C-alpha cells in the first residue's frame, strides 16, 4: 500500500500493473489439497432418515392443522348462512301469524258476534222483563260420611304434625 509522502497527493502505484510473480504466489497459497478419502467422504450424499421423517411428520401435522382450520371456517360459514336463512323464514312466518291473528280477532270480536246474532239468527239483547229470579231454601245441605279407618301410630303422628303446621 501506499505510504504518505510529503507533497504527493495521489498514489499512482495502484494503477500500475501487478507483477506476475506476486499473482502466482497468491494462487499457490490459496490451494488446499485434501486426501482422496476426504474427497470421497464429501462427495457421498449423507442420509439423514430421522431428520427427513421428522420433517415430513411436522409438515403433515401443520397441513392437518391448517386443513382443519379451513374446514372449521367453511362449516361455520355454512351454519351462519343456514341460521340467516331460517331467521328470515321465521320472521316471515311470524308476520303471517300476526296477519292471521288479526283477521281471526276481527271475525271474533264482540261487535261482530253481536251483529251476526242480531242479523242472521234473529236474536236480541236481554231485557229486564225476561229476567226471572229463583230462590233456594237455605236449610238444604249435603254431608259425605266416610268410614274411619284404623290408623297406625306413625300415620296418626304425621296427621297431628300436619294439623299443628296448618
N, C-alpha and C. Protein backbone atom coordinates (compact mmCIF):
# COMPACT_ATOMS: atom_id res chain seq x y z
N UNK A 1 0.82 -1.17 0.00
CA UNK A 1 0.00 0.00 0.00
C UNK A 1 0.87 1.24 0.00
N UNK A 2 0.22 2.24 -0.22
CA UNK A 2 0.98 3.49 -0.33
C UNK A 2 1.20 4.08 1.04
N UNK A 3 2.33 4.67 1.17
CA UNK A 3 2.64 5.40 2.40
C UNK A 3 2.52 6.87 2.10
N UNK A 4 2.21 7.60 3.09
CA UNK A 4 2.05 9.04 2.86
C UNK A 4 3.43 9.69 2.77
N UNK A 5 3.62 10.36 1.70
CA UNK A 5 4.86 11.10 1.49
C UNK A 5 4.54 12.58 1.38
N UNK A 6 5.50 13.33 1.68
CA UNK A 6 5.27 14.77 1.61
C UNK A 6 5.09 15.21 0.17
N UNK A 7 4.08 15.99 -0.03
CA UNK A 7 3.91 16.60 -1.33
C UNK A 7 3.21 15.71 -2.33
N UNK A 8 2.99 14.45 -2.04
CA UNK A 8 2.29 13.62 -3.03
C UNK A 8 0.81 13.55 -2.67
N UNK A 9 -0.02 13.86 -3.63
CA UNK A 9 -1.44 13.86 -3.39
C UNK A 9 -2.06 12.52 -3.75
N UNK A 10 -1.49 11.82 -4.69
CA UNK A 10 -2.08 10.58 -5.17
C UNK A 10 -1.07 9.47 -5.12
N UNK A 11 -1.59 8.22 -4.97
CA UNK A 11 -0.73 7.04 -5.01
C UNK A 11 -0.93 6.38 -6.36
N UNK A 12 0.01 6.56 -7.26
CA UNK A 12 -0.11 6.03 -8.61
C UNK A 12 0.27 4.57 -8.71
N UNK A 13 0.78 3.97 -7.65
CA UNK A 13 1.12 2.55 -7.68
C UNK A 13 -0.13 1.69 -7.80
N UNK A 14 -1.24 2.18 -7.39
CA UNK A 14 -2.48 1.43 -7.51
C UNK A 14 -2.86 1.20 -8.96
N UNK A 15 -2.44 2.09 -9.86
CA UNK A 15 -2.80 1.98 -11.26
C UNK A 15 -1.77 1.20 -12.08
N UNK A 16 -0.66 0.83 -11.49
CA UNK A 16 0.38 0.09 -12.21
C UNK A 16 0.00 -1.37 -12.26
N UNK A 17 0.41 -2.05 -13.34
CA UNK A 17 0.11 -3.49 -13.43
C UNK A 17 0.90 -4.25 -12.37
N UNK A 18 0.24 -5.27 -11.79
CA UNK A 18 0.89 -6.05 -10.75
C UNK A 18 1.83 -7.04 -11.39
N UNK A 19 2.74 -7.42 -10.64
CA UNK A 19 3.71 -8.36 -11.16
C UNK A 19 3.11 -9.74 -11.19
N UNK A 20 3.57 -10.52 -12.13
CA UNK A 20 3.03 -11.86 -12.31
C UNK A 20 3.50 -12.79 -11.21
N UNK A 21 4.64 -12.60 -10.67
CA UNK A 21 5.16 -13.45 -9.60
C UNK A 21 4.29 -13.33 -8.35
N UNK A 22 3.89 -12.15 -8.06
CA UNK A 22 3.05 -11.96 -6.88
C UNK A 22 1.72 -12.68 -7.04
N UNK A 23 1.18 -12.67 -8.25
CA UNK A 23 -0.09 -13.33 -8.52
C UNK A 23 0.06 -14.84 -8.40
N UNK A 24 1.13 -15.39 -8.89
CA UNK A 24 1.34 -16.84 -8.82
C UNK A 24 1.52 -17.27 -7.37
N UNK A 25 2.19 -16.50 -6.57
CA UNK A 25 2.39 -16.86 -5.17
C UNK A 25 1.05 -16.83 -4.43
N UNK A 26 0.25 -15.87 -4.76
CA UNK A 26 -1.05 -15.80 -4.10
C UNK A 26 -1.92 -16.98 -4.50
N UNK A 27 -1.86 -17.41 -5.77
CA UNK A 27 -2.66 -18.54 -6.22
C UNK A 27 -2.18 -19.83 -5.57
N UNK A 28 -0.88 -20.01 -5.44
CA UNK A 28 -0.35 -21.22 -4.84
C UNK A 28 -0.71 -21.28 -3.36
N UNK A 29 -0.73 -20.19 -2.70
CA UNK A 29 -1.04 -20.18 -1.27
C UNK A 29 -2.51 -20.47 -0.99
N UNK A 30 -3.40 -20.23 -1.95
CA UNK A 30 -4.83 -20.43 -1.75
C UNK A 30 -5.27 -21.87 -1.99
N UNK A 31 -4.49 -22.70 -2.59
CA UNK A 31 -4.88 -24.06 -2.93
C UNK A 31 -4.67 -24.94 -1.70
N UNK A 32 -5.72 -25.71 -1.37
CA UNK A 32 -5.65 -26.66 -0.26
C UNK A 32 -5.84 -28.05 -0.85
N UNK A 33 -4.93 -28.94 -0.58
CA UNK A 33 -5.02 -30.31 -1.08
C UNK A 33 -5.63 -31.20 0.00
N UNK A 34 -6.69 -31.92 -0.39
CA UNK A 34 -7.34 -32.85 0.52
C UNK A 34 -6.98 -34.27 0.13
N UNK A 35 -6.87 -35.20 1.08
CA UNK A 35 -6.61 -36.59 0.72
C UNK A 35 -7.82 -37.19 0.00
N UNK A 36 -7.59 -38.27 -0.74
CA UNK A 36 -8.62 -38.90 -1.56
C UNK A 36 -9.80 -39.37 -0.68
N UNK A 37 -9.54 -39.91 0.50
CA UNK A 37 -10.61 -40.38 1.38
C UNK A 37 -11.54 -39.25 1.78
N UNK A 38 -10.96 -38.13 2.07
CA UNK A 38 -11.76 -36.97 2.46
C UNK A 38 -12.62 -36.51 1.30
N UNK A 39 -12.08 -36.54 0.07
CA UNK A 39 -12.86 -36.15 -1.10
C UNK A 39 -14.04 -37.10 -1.30
N UNK A 40 -13.83 -38.41 -1.14
CA UNK A 40 -14.91 -39.38 -1.31
C UNK A 40 -15.99 -39.19 -0.24
N UNK A 41 -15.54 -38.92 0.96
CA UNK A 41 -16.49 -38.71 2.05
C UNK A 41 -17.37 -37.49 1.79
N UNK A 42 -16.79 -36.43 1.26
CA UNK A 42 -17.54 -35.21 0.96
C UNK A 42 -18.47 -35.39 -0.23
N UNK A 43 -18.13 -36.27 -1.16
CA UNK A 43 -18.94 -36.46 -2.37
C UNK A 43 -20.19 -37.28 -2.08
N UNK A 44 -20.13 -38.20 -1.15
CA UNK A 44 -21.27 -39.08 -0.87
C UNK A 44 -22.40 -38.27 -0.23
N UNK A 45 -23.64 -38.49 -0.69
CA UNK A 45 -24.76 -37.80 -0.03
C UNK A 45 -24.98 -38.41 1.35
N UNK A 46 -25.25 -37.55 2.30
CA UNK A 46 -25.46 -38.00 3.66
C UNK A 46 -26.95 -38.30 3.85
N UNK A 47 -27.22 -39.49 4.29
CA UNK A 47 -28.61 -39.91 4.52
C UNK A 47 -28.98 -39.59 5.96
N UNK A 48 -29.96 -38.75 6.08
CA UNK A 48 -30.46 -38.38 7.40
C UNK A 48 -31.94 -38.78 7.46
N UNK A 49 -32.19 -40.06 7.65
CA UNK A 49 -33.55 -40.61 7.62
C UNK A 49 -34.42 -40.06 8.72
N UNK A 50 -33.87 -39.96 9.91
CA UNK A 50 -34.66 -39.47 11.03
C UNK A 50 -35.07 -38.02 10.82
N UNK A 51 -34.17 -37.24 10.27
CA UNK A 51 -34.47 -35.83 10.01
C UNK A 51 -35.56 -35.70 8.94
N UNK A 52 -35.45 -36.53 7.90
CA UNK A 52 -36.45 -36.48 6.82
C UNK A 52 -37.82 -36.91 7.34
N UNK A 53 -37.85 -37.99 8.14
CA UNK A 53 -39.11 -38.47 8.67
C UNK A 53 -39.73 -37.45 9.63
N UNK A 54 -38.90 -36.89 10.50
CA UNK A 54 -39.43 -35.91 11.46
C UNK A 54 -39.94 -34.66 10.73
N UNK A 55 -39.23 -34.23 9.71
CA UNK A 55 -39.68 -33.06 8.95
C UNK A 55 -40.98 -33.37 8.22
N UNK A 56 -41.09 -34.59 7.67
CA UNK A 56 -42.32 -34.98 6.97
C UNK A 56 -43.50 -35.01 7.94
N UNK A 57 -43.29 -35.57 9.13
CA UNK A 57 -44.36 -35.61 10.12
C UNK A 57 -44.76 -34.21 10.57
N UNK A 58 -43.80 -33.35 10.74
CA UNK A 58 -44.09 -31.97 11.12
C UNK A 58 -44.91 -31.27 10.04
N UNK A 59 -44.52 -31.43 8.78
CA UNK A 59 -45.27 -30.81 7.68
C UNK A 59 -46.68 -31.40 7.59
N UNK A 60 -46.80 -32.71 7.81
CA UNK A 60 -48.12 -33.34 7.78
C UNK A 60 -48.99 -32.79 8.90
N UNK A 61 -48.41 -32.62 10.10
CA UNK A 61 -49.18 -32.06 11.21
C UNK A 61 -49.61 -30.63 10.92
N UNK A 62 -48.73 -29.83 10.36
CA UNK A 62 -49.08 -28.44 10.03
C UNK A 62 -50.18 -28.39 8.97
N UNK A 63 -50.08 -29.27 7.97
CA UNK A 63 -51.10 -29.29 6.92
C UNK A 63 -52.44 -29.75 7.51
N UNK A 64 -52.39 -30.70 8.44
CA UNK A 64 -53.62 -31.16 9.08
C UNK A 64 -54.26 -30.04 9.89
N UNK A 65 -53.46 -29.32 10.63
CA UNK A 65 -53.98 -28.20 11.43
C UNK A 65 -54.57 -27.13 10.51
N UNK A 66 -53.84 -26.79 9.46
CA UNK A 66 -54.34 -25.77 8.53
C UNK A 66 -55.62 -26.25 7.86
N UNK A 67 -55.67 -27.51 7.48
CA UNK A 67 -56.87 -28.05 6.84
C UNK A 67 -58.06 -28.05 7.78
N UNK A 68 -57.84 -28.42 9.04
CA UNK A 68 -58.95 -28.41 9.98
C UNK A 68 -59.44 -26.99 10.26
N UNK A 69 -58.53 -26.02 10.29
CA UNK A 69 -58.95 -24.63 10.46
C UNK A 69 -59.79 -24.15 9.28
N UNK A 70 -59.36 -24.49 8.10
CA UNK A 70 -60.11 -24.09 6.90
C UNK A 70 -61.47 -24.77 6.89
N UNK A 71 -61.50 -26.08 7.22
CA UNK A 71 -62.77 -26.80 7.26
C UNK A 71 -63.70 -26.20 8.30
N UNK A 72 -63.15 -25.86 9.46
CA UNK A 72 -63.97 -25.25 10.51
C UNK A 72 -64.56 -23.93 10.07
N UNK A 73 -63.77 -23.12 9.39
CA UNK A 73 -64.27 -21.83 8.91
C UNK A 73 -65.37 -22.02 7.85
N UNK A 74 -65.15 -23.00 6.97
CA UNK A 74 -66.16 -23.27 5.93
C UNK A 74 -67.46 -23.74 6.58
N UNK A 75 -67.35 -24.64 7.54
CA UNK A 75 -68.53 -25.17 8.22
C UNK A 75 -69.23 -24.05 8.99
N UNK A 76 -68.46 -23.19 9.64
CA UNK A 76 -69.03 -22.07 10.37
C UNK A 76 -69.78 -21.13 9.43
N UNK A 77 -69.22 -20.88 8.27
CA UNK A 77 -69.88 -20.03 7.29
C UNK A 77 -71.19 -20.66 6.81
N UNK A 78 -71.16 -21.97 6.55
CA UNK A 78 -72.38 -22.66 6.11
C UNK A 78 -73.46 -22.58 7.18
N UNK A 79 -73.09 -22.81 8.42
CA UNK A 79 -74.07 -22.76 9.51
C UNK A 79 -74.62 -21.35 9.70
N UNK A 80 -73.76 -20.36 9.54
CA UNK A 80 -74.22 -18.97 9.65
C UNK A 80 -75.23 -18.65 8.55
N UNK A 81 -74.94 -19.12 7.34
CA UNK A 81 -75.89 -18.90 6.24
C UNK A 81 -77.21 -19.62 6.52
N UNK A 82 -77.15 -20.84 7.07
CA UNK A 82 -78.38 -21.56 7.41
C UNK A 82 -79.18 -20.80 8.47
N UNK A 83 -78.48 -20.29 9.48
CA UNK A 83 -79.16 -19.54 10.53
C UNK A 83 -79.83 -18.30 9.95
N UNK A 84 -79.13 -17.59 9.07
CA UNK A 84 -79.72 -16.39 8.46
C UNK A 84 -80.94 -16.75 7.63
N UNK A 85 -80.85 -17.86 6.88
CA UNK A 85 -81.98 -18.29 6.06
C UNK A 85 -83.18 -18.62 6.93
N UNK A 86 -82.95 -19.40 7.99
CA UNK A 86 -84.06 -19.79 8.85
C UNK A 86 -84.59 -18.62 9.66
N UNK A 87 -83.74 -17.64 9.94
CA UNK A 87 -84.21 -16.44 10.63
C UNK A 87 -85.18 -15.66 9.75
N UNK A 88 -84.86 -15.53 8.48
CA UNK A 88 -85.78 -14.82 7.57
C UNK A 88 -87.09 -15.59 7.41
N UNK A 89 -86.98 -16.93 7.34
CA UNK A 89 -88.21 -17.74 7.24
C UNK A 89 -89.05 -17.56 8.50
N UNK A 90 -88.40 -17.56 9.67
CA UNK A 90 -89.12 -17.37 10.92
C UNK A 90 -89.81 -16.01 10.97
N UNK A 91 -89.11 -14.97 10.54
CA UNK A 91 -89.71 -13.64 10.54
C UNK A 91 -90.92 -13.57 9.61
N UNK A 92 -90.81 -14.24 8.44
CA UNK A 92 -91.95 -14.25 7.51
C UNK A 92 -93.13 -14.99 8.12
N UNK A 93 -92.87 -16.12 8.77
CA UNK A 93 -93.95 -16.89 9.38
C UNK A 93 -94.58 -16.14 10.54
N UNK A 94 -93.78 -15.40 11.30
CA UNK A 94 -94.34 -14.59 12.37
C UNK A 94 -95.22 -13.48 11.81
N UNK A 95 -94.82 -12.93 10.69
CA UNK A 95 -95.63 -11.89 10.06
C UNK A 95 -96.97 -12.47 9.59
N UNK A 96 -96.91 -13.65 8.99
CA UNK A 96 -98.15 -14.32 8.54
C UNK A 96 -99.03 -14.62 9.75
N UNK A 97 -98.42 -15.07 10.85
CA UNK A 97 -99.18 -15.36 12.07
C UNK A 97 -99.89 -14.11 12.58
N UNK A 98 -99.19 -13.00 12.60
CA UNK A 98 -99.80 -11.76 13.09
C UNK A 98 -100.97 -11.36 12.19
N UNK A 99 -100.80 -11.52 10.88
CA UNK A 99 -101.89 -11.18 9.96
C UNK A 99 -103.11 -12.07 10.20
N UNK A 100 -102.88 -13.37 10.33
CA UNK A 100 -104.00 -14.29 10.55
C UNK A 100 -104.65 -14.06 11.91
N UNK A 101 -103.85 -13.74 12.91
CA UNK A 101 -104.40 -13.47 14.24
C UNK A 101 -105.29 -12.24 14.19
N UNK A 102 -104.86 -11.22 13.47
CA UNK A 102 -105.68 -10.01 13.36
C UNK A 102 -106.98 -10.31 12.63
N UNK A 103 -106.93 -11.14 11.60
CA UNK A 103 -108.15 -11.50 10.87
C UNK A 103 -109.10 -12.28 11.76
N UNK A 104 -108.54 -13.25 12.53
CA UNK A 104 -109.41 -14.04 13.40
C UNK A 104 -109.98 -13.20 14.53
N UNK A 105 -109.18 -12.28 15.06
CA UNK A 105 -109.69 -11.38 16.10
C UNK A 105 -110.80 -10.49 15.54
N UNK A 106 -110.64 -10.06 14.31
CA UNK A 106 -111.66 -9.21 13.70
C UNK A 106 -112.95 -10.00 13.51
N UNK A 107 -112.84 -11.28 13.15
CA UNK A 107 -114.04 -12.09 12.94
C UNK A 107 -114.71 -12.46 14.26
N UNK A 108 -113.92 -12.57 15.32
CA UNK A 108 -114.48 -13.00 16.60
C UNK A 108 -114.65 -11.85 17.58
N UNK A 109 -114.60 -10.64 17.11
CA UNK A 109 -114.78 -9.52 18.04
C UNK A 109 -116.23 -9.50 18.55
N UNK A 110 -116.43 -8.88 19.68
CA UNK A 110 -117.74 -8.86 20.30
C UNK A 110 -118.77 -8.16 19.41
N UNK A 111 -118.38 -7.10 18.78
CA UNK A 111 -119.30 -6.37 17.89
C UNK A 111 -119.71 -7.24 16.71
N UNK A 112 -118.77 -8.00 16.15
CA UNK A 112 -119.08 -8.86 15.01
C UNK A 112 -120.05 -9.97 15.43
N UNK A 113 -119.81 -10.55 16.60
CA UNK A 113 -120.70 -11.61 17.10
C UNK A 113 -122.09 -11.07 17.36
N UNK A 114 -122.18 -9.87 17.95
CA UNK A 114 -123.50 -9.27 18.19
C UNK A 114 -124.23 -8.98 16.89
N UNK A 115 -123.55 -8.45 15.91
CA UNK A 115 -124.18 -8.18 14.61
C UNK A 115 -124.66 -9.47 13.97
N UNK A 116 -123.87 -10.52 14.02
CA UNK A 116 -124.25 -11.80 13.42
C UNK A 116 -125.47 -12.37 14.14
N UNK A 117 -125.45 -12.28 15.47
CA UNK A 117 -126.59 -12.81 16.24
C UNK A 117 -127.87 -12.04 15.95
N UNK A 118 -127.81 -10.74 15.83
CA UNK A 118 -129.00 -9.94 15.56
C UNK A 118 -129.49 -10.13 14.13
N UNK A 119 -128.57 -10.05 13.15
CA UNK A 119 -128.98 -10.06 11.75
C UNK A 119 -129.27 -11.47 11.23
N UNK A 120 -128.46 -12.41 11.51
CA UNK A 120 -128.62 -13.74 10.91
C UNK A 120 -129.45 -14.69 11.78
N UNK A 121 -129.31 -14.61 13.09
CA UNK A 121 -130.01 -15.55 13.96
C UNK A 121 -131.29 -14.96 14.55
N UNK A 122 -131.50 -13.69 14.39
CA UNK A 122 -132.73 -13.05 14.89
C UNK A 122 -132.73 -12.89 16.40
N UNK A 123 -131.62 -12.85 17.02
CA UNK A 123 -131.55 -12.67 18.46
C UNK A 123 -131.53 -11.18 18.80
N UNK A 124 -131.86 -10.89 20.08
CA UNK A 124 -131.79 -9.51 20.53
C UNK A 124 -131.24 -9.50 21.95
N UNK A 125 -130.86 -8.33 22.43
CA UNK A 125 -130.28 -8.22 23.76
C UNK A 125 -131.36 -8.49 24.81
N UNK A 126 -130.89 -8.95 25.97
CA UNK A 126 -131.81 -9.29 27.04
C UNK A 126 -132.44 -8.02 27.61
N UNK A 127 -133.69 -8.17 27.95
CA UNK A 127 -134.42 -7.06 28.56
C UNK A 127 -134.78 -7.44 29.99
N UNK A 128 -135.16 -6.45 30.75
CA UNK A 128 -135.44 -6.67 32.17
C UNK A 128 -136.65 -7.58 32.36
N UNK A 129 -137.59 -7.54 31.42
CA UNK A 129 -138.80 -8.36 31.56
C UNK A 129 -138.51 -9.84 31.37
N UNK A 130 -137.40 -10.17 30.81
CA UNK A 130 -137.06 -11.57 30.57
C UNK A 130 -136.36 -12.20 31.78
N UNK A 131 -135.98 -11.46 32.76
CA UNK A 131 -135.23 -11.98 33.90
C UNK A 131 -136.20 -12.57 34.91
N UNK A 132 -135.93 -13.79 35.38
CA UNK A 132 -136.72 -14.44 36.42
C UNK A 132 -135.78 -14.83 37.54
N UNK A 133 -136.18 -14.53 38.76
CA UNK A 133 -135.36 -14.85 39.92
C UNK A 133 -135.93 -16.09 40.58
N UNK A 134 -135.05 -16.94 41.06
CA UNK A 134 -135.49 -18.11 41.82
C UNK A 134 -134.76 -18.09 43.15
N UNK A 135 -135.35 -18.71 44.15
CA UNK A 135 -134.70 -18.75 45.45
C UNK A 135 -134.59 -20.20 45.89
N UNK A 136 -133.55 -20.49 46.59
CA UNK A 136 -133.30 -21.82 47.10
C UNK A 136 -133.47 -21.79 48.60
N UNK A 137 -133.95 -22.90 49.14
CA UNK A 137 -134.09 -22.93 50.60
C UNK A 137 -132.71 -23.05 51.22
N UNK A 138 -132.56 -22.38 52.35
CA UNK A 138 -131.25 -22.33 52.96
C UNK A 138 -130.98 -23.55 53.85
N UNK A 139 -131.90 -24.37 54.11
CA UNK A 139 -131.72 -25.49 55.01
C UNK A 139 -131.13 -26.72 54.37
N UNK A 140 -131.10 -26.79 53.10
CA UNK A 140 -130.58 -27.98 52.44
C UNK A 140 -129.06 -27.97 52.45
N UNK A 141 -128.51 -29.10 52.83
CA UNK A 141 -127.07 -29.26 52.69
C UNK A 141 -126.78 -30.74 52.63
N UNK A 142 -125.64 -31.03 52.12
CA UNK A 142 -125.26 -32.45 51.97
C UNK A 142 -124.04 -32.72 52.82
N UNK A 143 -123.92 -34.01 53.19
CA UNK A 143 -122.80 -34.38 54.03
C UNK A 143 -122.31 -35.74 53.56
N UNK A 144 -120.99 -35.88 53.42
CA UNK A 144 -120.39 -37.12 52.98
C UNK A 144 -119.85 -37.82 54.22
N UNK A 145 -120.26 -39.08 54.35
CA UNK A 145 -119.84 -39.84 55.51
C UNK A 145 -118.75 -40.80 55.06
N UNK A 146 -117.64 -40.77 55.77
CA UNK A 146 -116.54 -41.67 55.46
C UNK A 146 -116.38 -42.64 56.60
N UNK A 147 -116.02 -43.81 56.25
CA UNK A 147 -115.71 -44.77 57.29
C UNK A 147 -114.34 -44.44 57.84
N UNK A 148 -114.23 -44.49 59.13
CA UNK A 148 -112.96 -44.17 59.74
C UNK A 148 -112.08 -45.40 59.71
N UNK A 149 -110.94 -45.25 59.16
CA UNK A 149 -110.01 -46.37 59.06
C UNK A 149 -109.12 -46.37 60.28
N UNK A 150 -108.70 -47.54 60.66
CA UNK A 150 -107.79 -47.62 61.80
C UNK A 150 -106.41 -47.19 61.32
N UNK A 151 -105.85 -46.25 62.01
CA UNK A 151 -104.55 -45.73 61.61
C UNK A 151 -103.48 -46.28 62.54
N UNK A 152 -102.32 -46.48 61.96
CA UNK A 152 -101.22 -46.94 62.81
C UNK A 152 -100.61 -45.73 63.52
N UNK A 153 -99.68 -45.97 64.37
CA UNK A 153 -99.11 -44.93 65.21
C UNK A 153 -98.39 -43.86 64.39
N UNK A 154 -97.63 -44.24 63.36
CA UNK A 154 -96.89 -43.26 62.54
C UNK A 154 -97.83 -42.35 61.76
N UNK A 155 -98.90 -42.90 61.24
CA UNK A 155 -99.86 -42.10 60.49
C UNK A 155 -100.53 -41.08 61.39
N UNK A 156 -100.90 -41.48 62.58
CA UNK A 156 -101.56 -40.54 63.50
C UNK A 156 -100.59 -39.45 63.95
N UNK A 157 -99.31 -39.77 64.14
CA UNK A 157 -98.32 -38.75 64.48
C UNK A 157 -98.14 -37.77 63.32
N UNK A 158 -98.10 -38.30 62.12
CA UNK A 158 -97.95 -37.45 60.93
C UNK A 158 -99.15 -36.52 60.78
N UNK A 159 -100.35 -37.02 60.98
CA UNK A 159 -101.55 -36.19 60.89
C UNK A 159 -101.54 -35.10 61.97
N UNK A 160 -101.08 -35.44 63.17
CA UNK A 160 -101.00 -34.46 64.24
C UNK A 160 -100.03 -33.34 63.89
N UNK A 161 -98.88 -33.70 63.32
CA UNK A 161 -97.87 -32.68 62.91
C UNK A 161 -98.45 -31.79 61.82
N UNK A 162 -99.18 -32.37 60.89
CA UNK A 162 -99.79 -31.56 59.81
C UNK A 162 -100.83 -30.60 60.36
N UNK A 163 -101.58 -31.02 61.34
CA UNK A 163 -102.58 -30.14 61.93
C UNK A 163 -101.92 -28.98 62.68
N UNK A 164 -100.79 -29.28 63.31
CA UNK A 164 -100.09 -28.21 64.02
C UNK A 164 -99.52 -27.17 63.04
N UNK A 165 -99.02 -27.62 61.91
CA UNK A 165 -98.40 -26.72 60.94
C UNK A 165 -99.42 -25.95 60.10
N UNK A 166 -100.65 -26.44 60.04
CA UNK A 166 -101.61 -25.75 59.18
C UNK A 166 -102.40 -24.71 59.90
